[in-house]
PDB file of N, CA and C in Angstrom:
ATOM      1  N   MET A   1      17.727 -32.342  20.701  1.00  0.00           N
ATOM      2  CA  MET A   1      17.447 -33.747  20.603  1.00  0.00           C
ATOM      3  C   MET A   1      17.880 -34.398  21.916  1.00  0.00           C
ATOM      4  N   LEU A   2      16.968 -35.102  22.511  1.00  0.00           N
ATOM      5  CA  LEU A   2      17.260 -35.837  23.739  1.00  0.00           C
ATOM      6  C   LEU A   2      17.343 -37.320  23.384  1.00  0.00           C
ATOM      7  N   VAL A   3      18.464 -37.936  23.720  1.00  0.00           N
ATOM      8  CA  VAL A   3      18.690 -39.350  23.425  1.00  0.00           C
ATOM      9  C   VAL A   3      18.581 -40.123  24.734  1.00  0.00           C
ATOM     10  N   ARG A   4      17.744 -41.163  24.722  1.00  0.00           N
ATOM     11  CA  ARG A   4      17.563 -42.007  25.904  1.00  0.00           C
ATOM     12  C   ARG A   4      17.791 -43.470  25.522  1.00  0.00           C
ATOM     13  N   ILE A   5      18.371 -44.214  26.454  1.00  0.00           N
ATOM     14  CA  ILE A   5      18.483 -45.662  26.295  1.00  0.00           C
ATOM     15  C   ILE A   5      17.855 -46.289  27.528  1.00  0.00           C
ATOM     16  N   TRP A   6      16.950 -47.208  27.280  1.00  0.00           N
ATOM     17  CA  TRP A   6      16.260 -47.924  28.359  1.00  0.00           C
ATOM     18  C   TRP A   6      16.622 -49.397  28.305  1.00  0.00           C
ATOM     19  N   ARG A   7      16.761 -50.013  29.471  1.00  0.00           N
ATOM     20  CA  ARG A   7      16.936 -51.465  29.583  1.00  0.00           C
ATOM     21  C   ARG A   7      15.845 -51.982  30.492  1.00  0.00           C
ATOM     22  N   ALA A   8      15.087 -52.948  30.007  1.00  0.00           N
ATOM     23  CA  ALA A   8      14.028 -53.591  30.792  1.00  0.00           C
ATOM     24  C   ALA A   8      13.065 -52.564  31.411  1.00  0.00           C
ATOM     25  N   GLY A   9      12.717 -51.526  30.634  1.00  0.00           N
ATOM     26  CA  GLY A   9      11.739 -50.553  31.099  1.00  0.00           C
ATOM     27  C   GLY A   9      12.271 -49.464  32.011  1.00  0.00           C
ATOM     28  N   LYS A  10      13.595 -49.412  32.217  1.00  0.00           N
ATOM     29  CA  LYS A  10      14.184 -48.389  33.080  1.00  0.00           C
ATOM     30  C   LYS A  10      15.239 -47.610  32.297  1.00  0.00           C
ATOM     31  N   GLU A  11      15.234 -46.305  32.460  1.00  0.00           N
ATOM     32  CA  GLU A  11      16.201 -45.469  31.770  1.00  0.00           C
ATOM     33  C   GLU A  11      17.593 -45.670  32.367  1.00  0.00           C
ATOM     34  N   ILE A  12      18.570 -45.971  31.494  1.00  0.00           N
ATOM     35  CA  ILE A  12      19.947 -46.166  31.950  1.00  0.00           C
ATOM     36  C   ILE A  12      20.886 -45.104  31.385  1.00  0.00           C
ATOM     37  N   TYR A  13      20.404 -44.320  30.416  1.00  0.00           N
ATOM     38  CA  TYR A  13      21.226 -43.271  29.814  1.00  0.00           C
ATOM     39  C   TYR A  13      20.329 -42.182  29.253  1.00  0.00           C
ATOM     40  N   TYR A  14      20.751 -40.935  29.399  1.00  0.00           N
ATOM     41  CA  TYR A  14      20.150 -39.847  28.634  1.00  0.00           C
ATOM     42  C   TYR A  14      21.206 -38.801  28.357  1.00  0.00           C
ATOM     43  N   GLY A  15      21.084 -38.164  27.221  1.00  0.00           N
ATOM     44  CA  GLY A  15      22.016 -37.119  26.851  1.00  0.00           C
ATOM     45  C   GLY A  15      21.348 -36.137  25.915  1.00  0.00           C
ATOM     46  N   LEU A  16      21.633 -34.859  26.081  1.00  0.00           N
ATOM     47  CA  LEU A  16      21.045 -33.807  25.268  1.00  0.00           C
ATOM     48  C   LEU A  16      22.046 -33.362  24.213  1.00  0.00           C
ATOM     49  N   GLU A  17      21.649 -33.436  22.964  1.00  0.00           N
ATOM     50  CA  GLU A  17      22.466 -32.952  21.851  1.00  0.00           C
ATOM     51  C   GLU A  17      21.942 -31.572  21.483  1.00  0.00           C
ATOM     52  N   SER A  18      22.672 -30.526  21.856  1.00  0.00           N
ATOM     53  CA  SER A  18      22.175 -29.170  21.668  1.00  0.00           C
ATOM     54  C   SER A  18      22.785 -28.456  20.464  1.00  0.00           C
ATOM     55  N   ASN A  19      23.768 -29.040  19.820  1.00  0.00           N
ATOM     56  CA  ASN A  19      24.427 -28.383  18.682  1.00  0.00           C
ATOM     57  C   ASN A  19      23.862 -28.872  17.359  1.00  0.00           C
ATOM     58  N   VAL A  20      22.559 -28.757  17.193  1.00  0.00           N
ATOM     59  CA  VAL A  20      21.901 -29.200  15.962  1.00  0.00           C
ATOM     60  C   VAL A  20      21.591 -27.955  15.137  1.00  0.00           C
ATOM     61  N   PHE A  21      22.390 -27.709  14.090  1.00  0.00           N
ATOM     62  CA  PHE A  21      22.189 -26.541  13.246  1.00  0.00           C
ATOM     63  C   PHE A  21      21.835 -26.921  11.817  1.00  0.00           C
ATOM     64  N   ASP A  22      21.909 -28.155  11.477  1.00  0.00           N
ATOM     65  CA  ASP A  22      21.711 -28.616  10.113  1.00  0.00           C
ATOM     66  C   ASP A  22      20.514 -29.560  10.081  1.00  0.00           C
ATOM     67  N   ASN A  23      19.917 -29.710   8.923  1.00  0.00           N
ATOM     68  CA  ASN A  23      18.802 -30.644   8.797  1.00  0.00           C
ATOM     69  C   ASN A  23      19.251 -32.091   8.871  1.00  0.00           C
ATOM     70  N   ASN A  24      20.506 -32.350   8.573  1.00  0.00           N
ATOM     71  CA  ASN A  24      21.030 -33.714   8.584  1.00  0.00           C
ATOM     72  C   ASN A  24      22.207 -33.787   9.545  1.00  0.00           C
ATOM     73  N   ILE A  25      22.081 -34.594  10.580  1.00  0.00           N
ATOM     74  CA  ILE A  25      23.178 -34.752  11.524  1.00  0.00           C
ATOM     75  C   ILE A  25      23.471 -36.231  11.715  1.00  0.00           C
ATOM     76  N   ILE A  26      24.684 -36.520  12.082  1.00  0.00           N
ATOM     77  CA  ILE A  26      25.069 -37.866  12.504  1.00  0.00           C
ATOM     78  C   ILE A  26      25.332 -37.777  13.990  1.00  0.00           C
ATOM     79  N   LEU A  27      24.611 -38.543  14.736  1.00  0.00           N
ATOM     80  CA  LEU A  27      24.689 -38.500  16.187  1.00  0.00           C
ATOM     81  C   LEU A  27      25.346 -39.770  16.687  1.00  0.00           C
ATOM     82  N   ASN A  28      26.420 -39.639  17.459  1.00  0.00           N
ATOM     83  CA  ASN A  28      27.106 -40.783  18.043  1.00  0.00           C
ATOM     84  C   ASN A  28      26.894 -40.775  19.545  1.00  0.00           C
ATOM     85  N   VAL A  29      26.422 -41.884  20.069  1.00  0.00           N
ATOM     86  CA  VAL A  29      26.198 -42.035  21.502  1.00  0.00           C
ATOM     87  C   VAL A  29      26.975 -43.260  21.949  1.00  0.00           C
ATOM     88  N   GLU A  30      27.702 -43.129  23.046  1.00  0.00           N
ATOM     89  CA  GLU A  30      28.474 -44.253  23.569  1.00  0.00           C
ATOM     90  C   GLU A  30      28.301 -44.289  25.077  1.00  0.00           C
ATOM     91  N   THR A  31      27.976 -45.448  25.606  1.00  0.00           N
ATOM     92  CA  THR A  31      27.790 -45.592  27.047  1.00  0.00           C
ATOM     93  C   THR A  31      28.140 -47.016  27.473  1.00  0.00           C
ATOM     94  N   VAL A  32      28.317 -47.209  28.767  1.00  0.00           N
ATOM     95  CA  VAL A  32      28.605 -48.532  29.334  1.00  0.00           C
ATOM     96  C   VAL A  32      27.485 -48.868  30.292  1.00  0.00           C
ATOM     97  N   ASP A  33      26.974 -50.089  30.189  1.00  0.00           N
ATOM     98  CA  ASP A  33      25.914 -50.560  31.073  1.00  0.00           C
ATOM     99  C   ASP A  33      26.381 -51.842  31.751  1.00  0.00           C
ATOM    100  N   VAL A  34      26.303 -51.876  33.063  1.00  0.00           N
ATOM    101  CA  VAL A  34      26.598 -53.096  33.815  1.00  0.00           C
ATOM    102  C   VAL A  34      25.256 -53.777  34.059  1.00  0.00           C
ATOM    103  N   ALA A  35      24.945 -54.744  33.210  1.00  0.00           N
ATOM    104  CA  ALA A  35      23.633 -55.393  33.232  1.00  0.00           C
ATOM    105  C   ALA A  35      23.709 -56.730  33.957  1.00  0.00           C
ATOM    106  N   PRO A  36      22.582 -57.164  34.509  1.00  0.00           N
ATOM    107  CA  PRO A  36      22.551 -58.496  35.126  1.00  0.00           C
ATOM    108  C   PRO A  36      22.704 -59.591  34.071  1.00  0.00           C
ATOM    109  N   LEU A  37      23.058 -60.783  34.518  1.00  0.00           N
ATOM    110  CA  LEU A  37      23.203 -61.910  33.598  1.00  0.00           C
ATOM    111  C   LEU A  37      21.880 -62.216  32.921  1.00  0.00           C
ATOM    112  N   GLY A  38      21.966 -62.721  31.699  1.00  0.00           N
ATOM    113  CA  GLY A  38      20.770 -63.128  30.968  1.00  0.00           C
ATOM    114  C   GLY A  38      20.503 -62.222  29.778  1.00  0.00           C
ATOM    115  N   VAL A  39      19.426 -62.513  29.093  1.00  0.00           N
ATOM    116  CA  VAL A  39      19.025 -61.750  27.916  1.00  0.00           C
ATOM    117  C   VAL A  39      18.486 -60.394  28.361  1.00  0.00           C
ATOM    118  N   GLN A  40      18.907 -59.323  27.678  1.00  0.00           N
ATOM    119  CA  GLN A  40      18.465 -57.969  28.015  1.00  0.00           C
ATOM    120  C   GLN A  40      17.747 -57.355  26.822  1.00  0.00           C
ATOM    121  N   ASN A  41      16.741 -56.557  27.094  1.00  0.00           N
ATOM    122  CA  ASN A  41      16.008 -55.825  26.060  1.00  0.00           C
ATOM    123  C   ASN A  41      16.302 -54.339  26.215  1.00  0.00           C
ATOM    124  N   TYR A  42      16.739 -53.715  25.137  1.00  0.00           N
ATOM    125  CA  TYR A  42      17.074 -52.292  25.147  1.00  0.00           C
ATOM    126  C   TYR A  42      16.164 -51.532  24.192  1.00  0.00           C
ATOM    127  N   GLN A  43      15.923 -50.248  24.505  1.00  0.00           N
ATOM    128  CA  GLN A  43      15.193 -49.347  23.633  1.00  0.00           C
ATOM    129  C   GLN A  43      16.030 -48.090  23.438  1.00  0.00           C
ATOM    130  N   LEU A  44      16.091 -47.619  22.211  1.00  0.00           N
ATOM    131  CA  LEU A  44      16.720 -46.348  21.891  1.00  0.00           C
ATOM    132  C   LEU A  44      15.600 -45.368  21.568  1.00  0.00           C
ATOM    133  N   ILE A  45      15.558 -44.245  22.294  1.00  0.00           N
ATOM    134  CA  ILE A  45      14.497 -43.255  22.136  1.00  0.00           C
ATOM    135  C   ILE A  45      15.153 -41.918  21.839  1.00  0.00           C
ATOM    136  N   ILE A  46      14.701 -41.258  20.785  1.00  0.00           N
ATOM    137  CA  ILE A  46      15.203 -39.935  20.434  1.00  0.00           C
ATOM    138  C   ILE A  46      14.028 -38.977  20.440  1.00  0.00           C
ATOM    139  N   GLU A  47      14.127 -37.913  21.248  1.00  0.00           N
ATOM    140  CA  GLU A  47      13.036 -36.954  21.402  1.00  0.00           C
ATOM    141  C   GLU A  47      13.453 -35.587  20.869  1.00  0.00           C
ATOM    142  N   ASN A  48      12.579 -34.996  20.091  1.00  0.00           N
ATOM    143  CA  ASN A  48      12.795 -33.629  19.615  1.00  0.00           C
ATOM    144  C   ASN A  48      12.419 -32.669  20.731  1.00  0.00           C
ATOM    145  N   GLN A  49      13.307 -31.773  21.093  1.00  0.00           N
ATOM    146  CA  GLN A  49      13.082 -30.842  22.198  1.00  0.00           C
ATOM    147  C   GLN A  49      12.757 -29.423  21.729  1.00  0.00           C
ATOM    148  N   THR A  50      12.647 -29.205  20.415  1.00  0.00           N
ATOM    149  CA  THR A  50      12.377 -27.878  19.887  1.00  0.00           C
ATOM    150  C   THR A  50      10.897 -27.756  19.532  1.00  0.00           C
ATOM    151  N   PRO A  51      10.176 -26.848  20.179  1.00  0.00           N
ATOM    152  CA  PRO A  51       8.740 -26.697  19.895  1.00  0.00           C
ATOM    153  C   PRO A  51       8.479 -26.284  18.440  1.00  0.00           C
ATOM    154  N   ALA A  52       7.343 -26.715  17.920  1.00  0.00           N
ATOM    155  CA  ALA A  52       6.868 -26.351  16.581  1.00  0.00           C
ATOM    156  C   ALA A  52       7.790 -26.830  15.463  1.00  0.00           C
ATOM    157  N   THR A  53       8.560 -27.881  15.700  1.00  0.00           N
ATOM    158  CA  THR A  53       9.408 -28.468  14.660  1.00  0.00           C
ATOM    159  C   THR A  53       9.176 -29.974  14.643  1.00  0.00           C
ATOM    160  N   THR A  54       9.656 -30.599  13.614  1.00  0.00           N
ATOM    161  CA  THR A  54       9.557 -32.055  13.521  1.00  0.00           C
ATOM    162  C   THR A  54      10.948 -32.644  13.387  1.00  0.00           C
ATOM    163  N   ALA A  55      11.064 -33.900  13.736  1.00  0.00           N
ATOM    164  CA  ALA A  55      12.322 -34.623  13.591  1.00  0.00           C
ATOM    165  C   ALA A  55      12.000 -36.074  13.268  1.00  0.00           C
ATOM    166  N   PHE A  56      12.890 -36.718  12.556  1.00  0.00           N
ATOM    167  CA  PHE A  56      12.721 -38.139  12.284  1.00  0.00           C
ATOM    168  C   PHE A  56      14.083 -38.798  12.236  1.00  0.00           C
ATOM    169  N   VAL A  57      14.081 -40.083  12.417  1.00  0.00           N
ATOM    170  CA  VAL A  57      15.305 -40.880  12.383  1.00  0.00           C
ATOM    171  C   VAL A  57      15.299 -41.676  11.094  1.00  0.00           C
ATOM    172  N   ALA A  58      16.364 -41.570  10.328  1.00  0.00           N
ATOM    173  CA  ALA A  58      16.512 -42.327   9.095  1.00  0.00           C
ATOM    174  C   ALA A  58      17.743 -43.205   9.224  1.00  0.00           C
ATOM    175  N   GLY A  59      17.637 -44.429   8.776  1.00  0.00           N
ATOM    176  CA  GLY A  59      18.728 -45.376   8.908  1.00  0.00           C
ATOM    177  C   GLY A  59      19.795 -45.174   7.856  1.00  0.00           C
ATOM    178  N   PRO A  60      20.856 -45.925   7.922  1.00  0.00           N
ATOM    179  CA  PRO A  60      20.976 -47.074   8.819  1.00  0.00           C
ATOM    180  C   PRO A  60      21.262 -46.662  10.257  1.00  0.00           C
ATOM    181  N   LEU A  61      20.758 -47.439  11.158  1.00  0.00           N
ATOM    182  CA  LEU A  61      20.924 -47.211  12.586  1.00  0.00           C
ATOM    183  C   LEU A  61      21.690 -48.400  13.149  1.00  0.00           C
ATOM    184  N   VAL A  62      22.774 -48.141  13.866  1.00  0.00           N
ATOM    185  CA  VAL A  62      23.590 -49.207  14.445  1.00  0.00           C
ATOM    186  C   VAL A  62      23.473 -49.126  15.962  1.00  0.00           C
ATOM    187  N   PHE A  63      23.043 -50.212  16.555  1.00  0.00           N
ATOM    188  CA  PHE A  63      22.889 -50.313  18.000  1.00  0.00           C
ATOM    189  C   PHE A  63      23.537 -51.631  18.379  1.00  0.00           C
ATOM    190  N   SER A  64      24.704 -51.598  19.030  1.00  0.00           N
ATOM    191  CA  SER A  64      25.425 -52.837  19.282  1.00  0.00           C
ATOM    192  C   SER A  64      25.895 -52.912  20.728  1.00  0.00           C
ATOM    193  N   ALA A  65      26.269 -54.115  21.134  1.00  0.00           N
ATOM    194  CA  ALA A  65      26.735 -54.328  22.501  1.00  0.00           C
ATOM    195  C   ALA A  65      27.784 -55.441  22.514  1.00  0.00           C
ATOM    196  N   THR A  66      28.608 -55.409  23.545  1.00  0.00           N
ATOM    197  CA  THR A  66      29.595 -56.455  23.793  1.00  0.00           C
ATOM    198  C   THR A  66      29.446 -56.910  25.235  1.00  0.00           C
ATOM    199  N   ALA A  67      29.356 -58.189  25.448  1.00  0.00           N
ATOM    200  CA  ALA A  67      29.232 -58.736  26.794  1.00  0.00           C
ATOM    201  C   ALA A  67      30.578 -59.329  27.221  1.00  0.00           C
ATOM    202  N   TYR A  68      30.968 -59.013  28.441  1.00  0.00           N
ATOM    203  CA  TYR A  68      32.211 -59.536  29.008  1.00  0.00           C
ATOM    204  C   TYR A  68      31.881 -60.409  30.213  1.00  0.00           C
ATOM    205  N   SER A  69      32.593 -61.484  30.353  1.00  0.00           N
ATOM    206  CA  SER A  69      32.429 -62.370  31.499  1.00  0.00           C
ATOM    207  C   SER A  69      33.441 -61.981  32.568  1.00  0.00           C
ATOM    208  N   GLY A  70      33.003 -61.930  33.816  1.00  0.00           N
ATOM    209  CA  GLY A  70      33.919 -61.502  34.858  1.00  0.00           C
ATOM    210  C   GLY A  70      34.309 -62.650  35.707  1.00  0.00           C
TER     211      GLY A  70
END
């Protein structure tokens, strides 16, 4: 499973989860993004990297952020 996070159409994070042995996994991803001021749009993309198999994402899905003023 390849996990990608995009901000404003540009990839800012990717990570490969290679220890998938069960049909049901809980995947935790944590990263820090130094974004420009203003409203930001993010996308979370999960790609199956194993040929001839299927994968799906079932919720609940938590995607959160904290903004700090410098």
